Structures are given as structure tokens and as C-alpha cells.
Amino acid sequence: MDFNQLDIRGFLIGALPGRFNQLSPSEFESFIEYLFKVDGYEVEPISRKSDLTANLIAKKEDTTLVIRVMRYMPEQILGELEVQQAIAAKDFYETDQSWIITTSGFSKEARVLAENAEIELWDWETLNTALSDLFFEGRNYLEFSDAPIPPSIDTNFEPALTLKAKWEAQEGVEGKWYNLMLTISNPTEENLYIHLDLPVLIDKQKTQISADKWADEEFVAGMIYAGASVRTNALFKTSKVGERPPAGKIVVTCHERVPQRTYHLMAKLKGEACYFVTYCYSRRSQEYELMTRFRDQVLSHSIIGKVSIDIYYLSSPFLVQWASRIKIIDLVLRKLTSLAVAGVTKYYLNKTRF
């Protein structure tokens, strides 16, 4: 994303309420790079692969900074480890100062350690104040009279983009999260630049549940080329959604740059994914279709079956996560799943005979 080409005040009015959650971590890093350049610094990005403790080197006159940029959710409080990494980065790059900039906050212990080590900490409040000083003449962005009004949602506009959504087990996603995979397609002959708000789930009971965050390094904003599709993944806390991912409707608010407009993309969402069969085979396999059919047509119609389903969806995300890391669990899981598939296949064969 080229922030030099944006109406930066209009962009900030849309981005500040959600603490830049429409940006990926790398895009937020690019925004901080842009921010320091606006303030007169020469900025050099550091490759993520070569150093996970620092993102940018900034130079201005006789001062050199090493900067760690962390776009976090508000509840993800940074601790002493991040400050220790900032100290190490300062020594490694031999800079005058070391900064940490985040959209969340810092623990008391982290602040004490940073003060003793002379590490500059920018939490959300500090960053917000800096942006107000730099772009809104020190006033709150909502009070800035010349700032453009964000486009309202056009309920009559029929978007060209289409949305599909499904629950999907994904490697690297912890058991406390449910992963929702979104596929956004552009069937038109035009390239469309968009950025997305976090999806909202409206379940069968009409309860509205917002996703908590995007999975790491996922598509959040960018170009969708003519005839192409992109996939991105959003995470819901299991404590919010329930014992297993529910069915319902997914709503994603989409902001299109040119022409500037905002609209909703919607998609139906089926219930829970079959984690073991997805892990061992795939969601498009015959085994997946067989086992989900057995779940919906047989197990869900008895008390014991319903209890079994609940236990399965409570434990399966953790087991899939462990199986991807521990070979013996992987082997056992695959063996048990193949036996279950064989048993259900036999059940349906016997049923058709009689």
C-alpha cells in the first residue's frame, strides 16, 4: 500500500476507530515507515526473515533509531520480553535509541524495565496523540473540521465482488481459536483495490459475533485483479462462538478505493468443520462428505450422538494442532480416522443392502 497516494486524513478517520485492524501487520509496518518519513527521517526496513526483534532503522540528523512495530489487539499487552528484545536490537544495530510502537499497551513490569534501559515505548494512546499532532493539528480526528467524512454504506449498491465463507482447520491456529476462511472473487474485467473490516457472524439465533483478529500475514487490503480470487483467514475466539463453529451468515464490510465507496459482502456459512477428516484427507474428499453426512443424518438425532459431537468439537482443534507437531499423535490420529471412515462406510453399505 502506497500511503503517499492516499488521502491520509480520510484514511486515518477510517483506520483509527479500529486501531488499524484493516491493515495486515506488514502494512501497518509500512504505515509507521511512512509516518517517520513524513517527520523527516530516513527509514530503512529490516528484513523480517533476518531479524524478528526489529522492523525499521530510522535516521534524522545525528540520531539513529531501531524500531519494533507491533500491530496488536487491545488485550494483547506487551511484557518484559519485548523490551529485552528492544534492548538487544539497540546493542546489535549500535543505534542511539530503541523504540517499540504498538496499537495495544505495555505491562507495568515492561514500563519499569524500559525506563531503566532508556527504551522508548509508544502505546496506542501515544501513537494516537502523535497522529493527531502530525495530521490533525493536535485535535481529535473527529473534531477536525476539514477532514473528509468517510463514505456511508450504500445499501442499494450491488457489489461486483462475491464472498464465500467456511470454517477451516488451519495449521498454526491454536485450539482457543476457530478459523474462518473467506474467499473473495472479482468476476469483473476491472482490477479492484479494497480493504476489509473484520467479518461479523450472525448465527441461527440472530446473535452477532465479530471476529477477533485476522490470522497472521493474511490479505486485508490490496488489489484483486480481474477474474481473480483471494483467500484470507479471520479468527474467532472459541469462548465467544461456543463449543463448535456455528452455521449462519457472514457479513464483511468492504471499502473500495476507486470509486470511493463502502458496502457489505455477505455469504451463507455452514456449521462446524470436521477437523480430523479435514486434516487427514481434505474438505473436498469423499471421506469428508461421508463423515459429515453421518454426523448430520445419524449422530445428531440421538442424545448420545449429540454428546459425542460436542466432545469431538471440543477436543479436535487441540488434537489437530498437536498432530501437526508430534509424529506419534499424527500417526494415531490418521489410524483412528481411517478406522472411523471404514466403520461409517460399512454402516451405509449395510443400510443399502436392507
Protein backbone atom coordinates (compact mmCIF):
# COMPACT_ATOMS: atom_id res chain seq x y z
CA MET A 1 0.00 0.00 0.00
CA ASP A 2 1.42 3.37 -1.07
CA PHE A 3 0.45 5.80 1.69
CA ASN A 4 1.85 8.70 -0.31
CA GLN A 5 -1.01 8.24 -2.78
CA LEU A 6 -3.74 8.18 -0.12
CA ASP A 7 -5.88 10.94 1.29
CA ILE A 8 -4.13 10.32 4.59
CA ARG A 9 -6.64 12.21 6.74
CA GLY A 10 -9.53 10.29 5.23
CA PHE A 11 -7.58 7.07 5.65
CA LEU A 12 -6.93 7.80 9.34
CA ILE A 13 -10.57 8.63 10.02
CA GLY A 14 -11.44 5.15 8.80
CA ALA A 15 -8.47 3.40 10.43
CA LEU A 16 -8.20 4.93 13.91
CA PRO A 17 -11.51 3.63 15.37
CA GLY A 18 -10.40 0.04 14.72
CA ARG A 19 -6.73 0.62 15.63
CA PHE A 20 -5.66 -0.17 12.04
CA ASN A 21 -7.23 -3.64 12.14
CA GLN A 22 -7.95 -3.35 8.40
CA LEU A 23 -4.18 -3.46 7.78
CA SER A 24 -2.02 -6.55 7.90
CA PRO A 25 0.99 -6.41 10.27
CA SER A 26 3.33 -5.75 7.33
CA GLU A 27 1.07 -2.96 6.01
CA PHE A 28 0.98 -1.37 9.46
CA GLU A 29 4.77 -1.54 9.49
CA SER A 30 4.75 0.29 6.13
CA PHE A 31 2.46 2.93 7.63
CA ILE A 32 4.88 3.53 10.53
CA GLU A 33 7.70 3.78 7.98
CA TYR A 34 5.66 6.40 6.11
CA LEU A 35 4.95 8.21 9.39
CA PHE A 36 8.64 8.61 10.22
CA LYS A 37 9.45 9.72 6.68
CA VAL A 38 6.78 12.44 6.97
CA ASP A 39 8.53 13.52 10.17
CA GLY A 40 11.82 13.95 8.31
CA TYR A 41 13.55 10.63 8.98
CA GLU A 42 15.41 8.46 6.52
CA VAL A 43 13.97 5.00 7.04
CA GLU A 44 15.37 1.60 6.11
CA PRO A 45 13.23 -1.54 6.57
CA ILE A 46 14.83 -4.62 8.13
CA SER A 47 14.03 -7.98 6.58
CA ARG A 48 11.68 -9.96 8.83
CA LYS A 49 13.48 -13.17 7.96
CA SER A 50 16.80 -11.84 9.21
CA ASP A 51 15.54 -10.26 12.43
CA LEU A 52 12.30 -10.86 14.30
CA THR A 53 13.08 -8.28 17.01
CA ALA A 54 13.21 -5.13 14.85
CA ASN A 55 11.49 -3.77 11.75
CA LEU A 56 12.95 -0.37 10.89
CA ILE A 57 16.10 1.74 11.16
CA ALA A 58 15.35 5.49 11.18
CA LYS A 59 17.92 8.27 10.93
CA LYS A 60 17.50 12.01 11.43
CA GLU A 61 20.43 14.39 11.78
CA ASP A 62 22.70 12.77 14.39
CA THR A 63 20.10 10.39 15.87
CA THR A 64 19.57 6.78 14.84
CA LEU A 65 16.63 4.66 15.98
CA VAL A 66 15.86 0.96 15.75
CA ILE A 67 12.10 0.42 15.81
CA ARG A 68 9.92 -2.61 16.55
CA VAL A 69 6.39 -2.26 15.09
CA MET A 70 3.63 -4.43 16.55
CA ARG A 71 0.00 -4.17 15.38
CA TYR A 72 -1.79 -5.99 18.20
CA MET A 73 -5.32 -6.29 19.52
CA PRO A 74 -6.04 -4.11 22.61
CA GLU A 75 -5.97 -7.08 25.00
CA GLN A 76 -2.53 -8.25 23.81
CA ILE A 77 -0.38 -6.46 26.38
CA LEU A 78 3.37 -6.39 25.71
CA GLY A 79 5.67 -7.52 28.51
CA GLU A 80 9.30 -7.61 29.55
CA LEU A 81 10.32 -9.98 26.73
CA GLU A 82 9.56 -7.38 24.06
CA VAL A 83 11.55 -4.77 25.98
CA GLN A 84 14.50 -7.16 26.34
CA GLN A 85 14.38 -7.71 22.58
CA ALA A 86 14.41 -3.94 22.06
CA ILE A 87 17.49 -3.68 24.28
CA ALA A 88 19.21 -6.42 22.28
CA ALA A 89 18.30 -4.72 18.99
CA LYS A 90 19.79 -1.43 20.17
CA ASP A 91 23.08 -3.13 21.02
CA PHE A 92 23.15 -5.18 17.81
CA TYR A 93 22.48 -2.26 15.46
CA GLU A 94 24.50 0.19 17.62
CA THR A 95 21.77 2.84 17.50
CA ASP A 96 21.21 5.82 19.78
CA GLN A 97 17.68 4.75 20.71
CA SER A 98 15.37 1.76 20.53
CA TRP A 99 11.59 2.17 20.19
CA ILE A 100 8.57 -0.12 20.39
CA ILE A 101 5.39 1.10 18.71
CA THR A 102 2.17 -0.85 19.23
CA THR A 103 -1.59 -0.49 18.90
CA SER A 104 -2.06 -2.09 22.33
CA GLY A 105 -0.29 -1.38 25.64
CA PHE A 106 2.53 -2.39 27.99
CA SER A 107 2.60 -4.12 31.35
CA LYS A 108 3.88 -2.28 34.44
CA GLU A 109 6.95 -4.51 34.51
CA ALA A 110 7.71 -3.72 30.88
CA ARG A 111 7.45 0.02 31.54
CA VAL A 112 9.82 -0.18 34.51
CA LEU A 113 12.37 -2.18 32.53
CA ALA A 114 12.07 0.19 29.55
CA GLU A 115 12.58 3.25 31.75
CA ASN A 116 15.72 1.78 33.32
CA ALA A 117 17.10 0.78 29.91
CA GLU A 118 16.02 4.03 28.20
CA ILE A 119 13.76 2.26 25.70
CA GLU A 120 11.05 4.43 24.13
CA LEU A 121 7.57 2.89 24.39
CA TRP A 122 4.67 4.06 22.24
CA ASP A 123 1.37 2.53 23.26
CA TRP A 124 -1.92 3.21 21.49
CA GLU A 125 -2.56 6.45 23.35
CA THR A 126 0.89 7.81 22.49
CA LEU A 127 0.58 6.81 18.84
CA ASN A 128 -2.89 8.32 18.59
CA THR A 129 -1.62 11.60 20.07
CA ALA A 130 1.30 11.67 17.62
CA LEU A 131 -1.05 11.18 14.68
CA SER A 132 -3.33 13.95 15.93
CA ASP A 133 -0.36 16.31 16.21
CA LEU A 134 1.03 15.40 12.80
CA PHE A 135 -2.14 15.29 10.69
CA PHE A 136 -4.97 16.94 12.65
CA GLU A 137 -3.21 19.98 14.16
CA GLY A 138 -3.29 18.46 17.64
CA ARG A 139 -7.07 17.94 17.68
CA ASN A 140 -9.00 14.69 17.87
CA TYR A 141 -9.57 13.40 14.35
CA LEU A 142 -13.35 13.52 14.86
CA GLU A 143 -13.15 17.23 15.71
CA PHE A 144 -11.09 18.23 12.70
CA SER A 145 -13.47 20.36 10.64
CA ASP A 146 -11.68 19.97 7.30
CA ALA A 147 -11.37 16.20 7.48
CA PRO A 148 -13.44 14.41 4.84
CA ILE A 149 -16.40 12.38 6.02
CA PRO A 150 -15.94 8.65 5.44
CA PRO A 151 -18.27 7.31 2.77
CA SER A 152 -21.53 5.92 4.11
CA ILE A 153 -22.55 2.37 3.40
CA ASP A 154 -24.61 2.21 0.23
CA THR A 155 -27.34 -0.34 0.88
CA ASN A 156 -28.66 -0.05 -2.69
CA PHE A 157 -25.31 -0.73 -4.35
CA GLU A 158 -24.88 -4.25 -5.74
CA PRO A 159 -21.22 -5.18 -5.28
CA ALA A 160 -19.39 -6.91 -8.11
CA LEU A 161 -17.27 -8.91 -5.67
CA THR A 162 -18.60 -12.19 -4.31
CA LEU A 163 -17.90 -13.82 -0.97
CA LYS A 164 -17.71 -17.43 0.20
CA ALA A 165 -17.01 -18.45 3.79
CA LYS A 166 -16.33 -21.72 5.58
CA TRP A 167 -14.83 -22.92 8.83
CA GLU A 168 -11.44 -24.44 8.20
CA ALA A 169 -8.87 -26.13 10.41
CA GLN A 170 -5.53 -24.43 9.76
CA GLU A 171 -2.01 -25.29 10.82
CA GLY A 172 -0.63 -22.86 13.36
CA VAL A 173 -4.04 -21.83 14.75
CA GLU A 174 -4.32 -22.64 18.44
CA GLY A 175 -7.23 -24.58 19.89
CA LYS A 176 -8.68 -21.49 21.53
CA TRP A 177 -9.44 -20.06 18.08
CA TYR A 178 -11.80 -21.05 15.28
CA ASN A 179 -10.52 -20.24 11.82
CA LEU A 180 -12.88 -18.80 9.20
CA MET A 181 -11.63 -18.88 5.64
CA LEU A 182 -13.02 -16.21 3.32
CA THR A 183 -12.78 -16.35 -0.46
CA ILE A 184 -13.41 -13.06 -2.26
CA SER A 185 -13.77 -13.23 -6.04
CA ASN A 186 -13.69 -10.48 -8.65
CA PRO A 187 -15.66 -11.70 -11.71
CA THR A 188 -15.37 -8.33 -13.47
CA GLU A 189 -12.88 -7.19 -16.09
CA GLU A 190 -11.55 -4.44 -13.81
CA ASN A 191 -8.90 -4.53 -11.10
CA LEU A 192 -10.40 -3.50 -7.76
CA TYR A 193 -8.45 -2.14 -4.79
CA ILE A 194 -10.18 -2.83 -1.46
CA HIS A 195 -9.60 -3.09 2.26
CA LEU A 196 -11.71 -5.20 4.58
CA ASP A 197 -13.15 -4.84 8.05
CA LEU A 198 -13.13 -7.92 10.26
CA PRO A 199 -16.03 -10.23 9.38
CA VAL A 200 -19.16 -10.49 11.51
CA LEU A 201 -21.01 -13.75 12.12
CA ILE A 202 -24.79 -13.72 12.55
CA ASP A 203 -25.73 -17.17 13.82
CA LYS A 204 -29.06 -19.02 13.65
CA GLN A 205 -30.20 -17.32 16.86
CA LYS A 206 -29.52 -13.90 15.25
CA THR A 207 -26.62 -13.31 17.62
CA GLN A 208 -23.97 -11.02 16.12
CA ILE A 209 -20.36 -12.04 16.79
CA SER A 210 -17.38 -10.11 15.46
CA ALA A 211 -14.12 -11.82 14.55
CA ASP A 212 -11.31 -11.01 16.96
CA LYS A 213 -8.42 -10.66 14.53
CA TRP A 214 -7.01 -11.63 11.17
CA ALA A 215 -4.66 -14.59 11.02
CA ASP A 216 -1.02 -13.57 10.63
CA GLU A 217 0.12 -12.31 7.23
CA GLU A 218 -3.35 -12.57 5.68
CA PHE A 219 -4.86 -10.45 2.90
CA VAL A 220 -6.63 -7.49 4.47
CA ALA A 221 -6.13 -4.79 1.86
CA GLY A 222 -4.85 -4.72 -1.69
CA MET A 223 -5.66 -5.29 -5.33
CA ILE A 224 -7.95 -8.09 -6.52
CA TYR A 225 -7.23 -8.46 -10.20
CA ALA A 226 -9.89 -9.01 -12.85
CA GLY A 227 -11.16 -12.58 -12.81
CA ALA A 228 -9.07 -13.48 -9.75
CA SER A 229 -9.88 -14.55 -6.20
CA VAL A 230 -8.12 -14.06 -2.89
CA ARG A 231 -8.34 -16.08 0.30
CA THR A 232 -7.94 -14.71 3.77
CA ASN A 233 -8.50 -16.08 7.27
CA ALA A 234 -10.12 -14.48 10.31
CA LEU A 235 -10.06 -15.88 13.83
CA PHE A 236 -12.91 -16.14 16.34
CA LYS A 237 -12.33 -16.98 20.00
CA THR A 238 -13.91 -20.29 20.94
CA SER A 239 -15.05 -18.69 24.20
CA LYS A 240 -17.22 -16.29 22.18
CA VAL A 241 -18.53 -18.61 19.47
CA GLY A 242 -19.28 -21.71 21.54
CA GLU A 243 -18.27 -25.34 21.68
CA ARG A 244 -18.11 -25.62 17.89
CA PRO A 245 -18.30 -23.23 14.92
CA PRO A 246 -21.97 -22.49 14.16
CA ALA A 247 -23.87 -22.02 10.93
CA GLY A 248 -25.31 -18.66 9.96
CA LYS A 249 -24.43 -15.67 7.80
CA ILE A 250 -21.11 -13.86 7.38
CA VAL A 251 -21.02 -10.12 6.71
CA VAL A 252 -17.83 -8.37 5.62
CA THR A 253 -17.71 -4.59 5.22
CA CYS A 254 -15.65 -3.76 2.15
CA HIS A 255 -14.08 -0.36 1.40
CA GLU A 256 -13.32 0.23 -2.27
CA ARG A 257 -10.83 2.96 -3.09
CA VAL A 258 -11.77 3.99 -6.64
CA PRO A 259 -14.55 4.94 -6.76
CA GLN A 260 -14.59 5.59 -3.04
CA ARG A 261 -17.47 3.59 -1.58
CA THR A 262 -18.28 1.19 1.23
CA TYR A 263 -20.61 -1.80 1.04
CA HIS A 264 -21.32 -5.21 2.55
CA LEU A 265 -20.38 -8.62 1.20
CA MET A 266 -22.49 -11.49 2.55
CA ALA A 267 -22.31 -15.28 2.44
CA LYS A 268 -24.06 -18.24 3.98
CA LEU A 269 -21.98 -20.26 6.42
CA LYS A 270 -22.35 -23.95 7.12
CA GLY A 271 -21.76 -25.38 10.57
CA GLU A 272 -18.63 -26.83 12.08
CA ALA A 273 -15.79 -28.29 10.06
CA CYS A 274 -14.83 -31.94 10.53
CA TYR A 275 -11.32 -31.34 11.82
CA PHE A 276 -9.92 -34.89 11.77
CA VAL A 277 -11.13 -35.72 8.27
CA THR A 278 -10.01 -32.33 7.00
CA TYR A 279 -6.57 -32.92 8.50
CA CYS A 280 -6.22 -36.50 7.19
CA TYR A 281 -7.94 -36.09 3.82
CA SER A 282 -9.44 -32.74 2.77
CA ARG A 283 -12.72 -30.88 2.82
CA ARG A 284 -13.26 -31.81 -0.82
CA SER A 285 -12.71 -35.53 -0.28
CA GLN A 286 -15.34 -38.27 -0.36
CA GLU A 287 -14.35 -39.13 3.21
CA TYR A 288 -15.27 -35.63 4.36
CA GLU A 289 -18.66 -35.79 2.66
CA LEU A 290 -19.28 -39.25 4.15
CA MET A 291 -18.40 -38.32 7.74
CA THR A 292 -20.28 -35.03 7.80
CA ARG A 293 -23.32 -36.78 6.34
CA PHE A 294 -23.11 -39.41 9.10
CA ARG A 295 -22.80 -36.65 11.69
CA ASP A 296 -25.83 -34.74 10.39
CA GLN A 297 -28.06 -37.68 9.48
CA VAL A 298 -27.26 -40.14 12.29
CA LEU A 299 -25.33 -38.80 15.27
CA SER A 300 -27.23 -35.53 15.61
CA HIS A 301 -30.54 -37.40 16.02
CA SER A 302 -29.69 -39.08 19.34
CA ILE A 303 -28.65 -37.82 22.77
CA ILE A 304 -25.51 -39.97 22.83
CA GLY A 305 -24.68 -38.83 19.32
CA LYS A 306 -25.07 -35.16 20.22
CA VAL A 307 -22.83 -35.62 23.28
CA SER A 308 -20.25 -37.33 21.06
CA ILE A 309 -20.36 -34.45 18.60
CA ASP A 310 -19.88 -31.92 21.41
CA ILE A 311 -16.90 -33.82 22.83
CA TYR A 312 -15.41 -34.18 19.37
CA TYR A 313 -15.56 -30.48 18.54
CA LEU A 314 -14.28 -29.52 21.96
CA SER A 315 -11.14 -31.65 21.66
CA SER A 316 -10.44 -31.91 17.93
CA PRO A 317 -8.83 -28.46 17.39
CA PHE A 318 -6.24 -29.23 20.08
CA LEU A 319 -5.54 -32.73 18.75
CA VAL A 320 -5.11 -31.47 15.19
CA GLN A 321 -2.70 -28.84 16.45
CA TRP A 322 -0.64 -31.43 18.34
CA ALA A 323 -0.74 -33.88 15.43
CA SER A 324 0.85 -31.32 13.14
CA ARG A 325 3.82 -31.14 15.52
CA ILE A 326 4.15 -34.61 17.08
CA LYS A 327 4.58 -37.58 14.75
CA ILE A 328 3.15 -40.26 17.07
CA ILE A 329 -0.07 -38.26 17.55
CA ASP A 330 -0.22 -37.74 13.79
CA LEU A 331 0.04 -41.49 13.18
CA VAL A 332 -2.55 -42.37 15.83
CA LEU A 333 -4.96 -39.70 14.59
CA ARG A 334 -4.70 -40.89 11.00
CA LYS A 335 -5.19 -44.53 12.02
CA LEU A 336 -8.25 -43.77 14.17
CA THR A 337 -9.74 -41.58 11.47
CA SER A 338 -9.28 -44.25 8.80
CA LEU A 339 -10.95 -46.82 11.09
CA ALA A 340 -13.85 -44.43 11.70
CA VAL A 341 -14.26 -43.84 7.96
CA ALA A 342 -14.20 -47.59 7.32
CA GLY A 343 -16.82 -48.15 10.02
CA VAL A 344 -19.16 -45.49 8.67
CA THR A 345 -18.69 -46.80 5.12
CA LYS A 346 -19.67 -50.27 6.32
CA TYR A 347 -22.70 -48.80 8.11
CA TYR A 348 -24.02 -47.23 4.91
CA LEU A 349 -23.28 -50.36 2.86
CA ASN A 350 -25.26 -52.50 5.28
CA LYS A 351 -28.06 -49.97 5.29
CA THR A 352 -28.39 -50.06 1.50
CA ARG A 353 -28.50 -53.87 1.50
CA PHE A 354 -31.53 -53.91 3.72
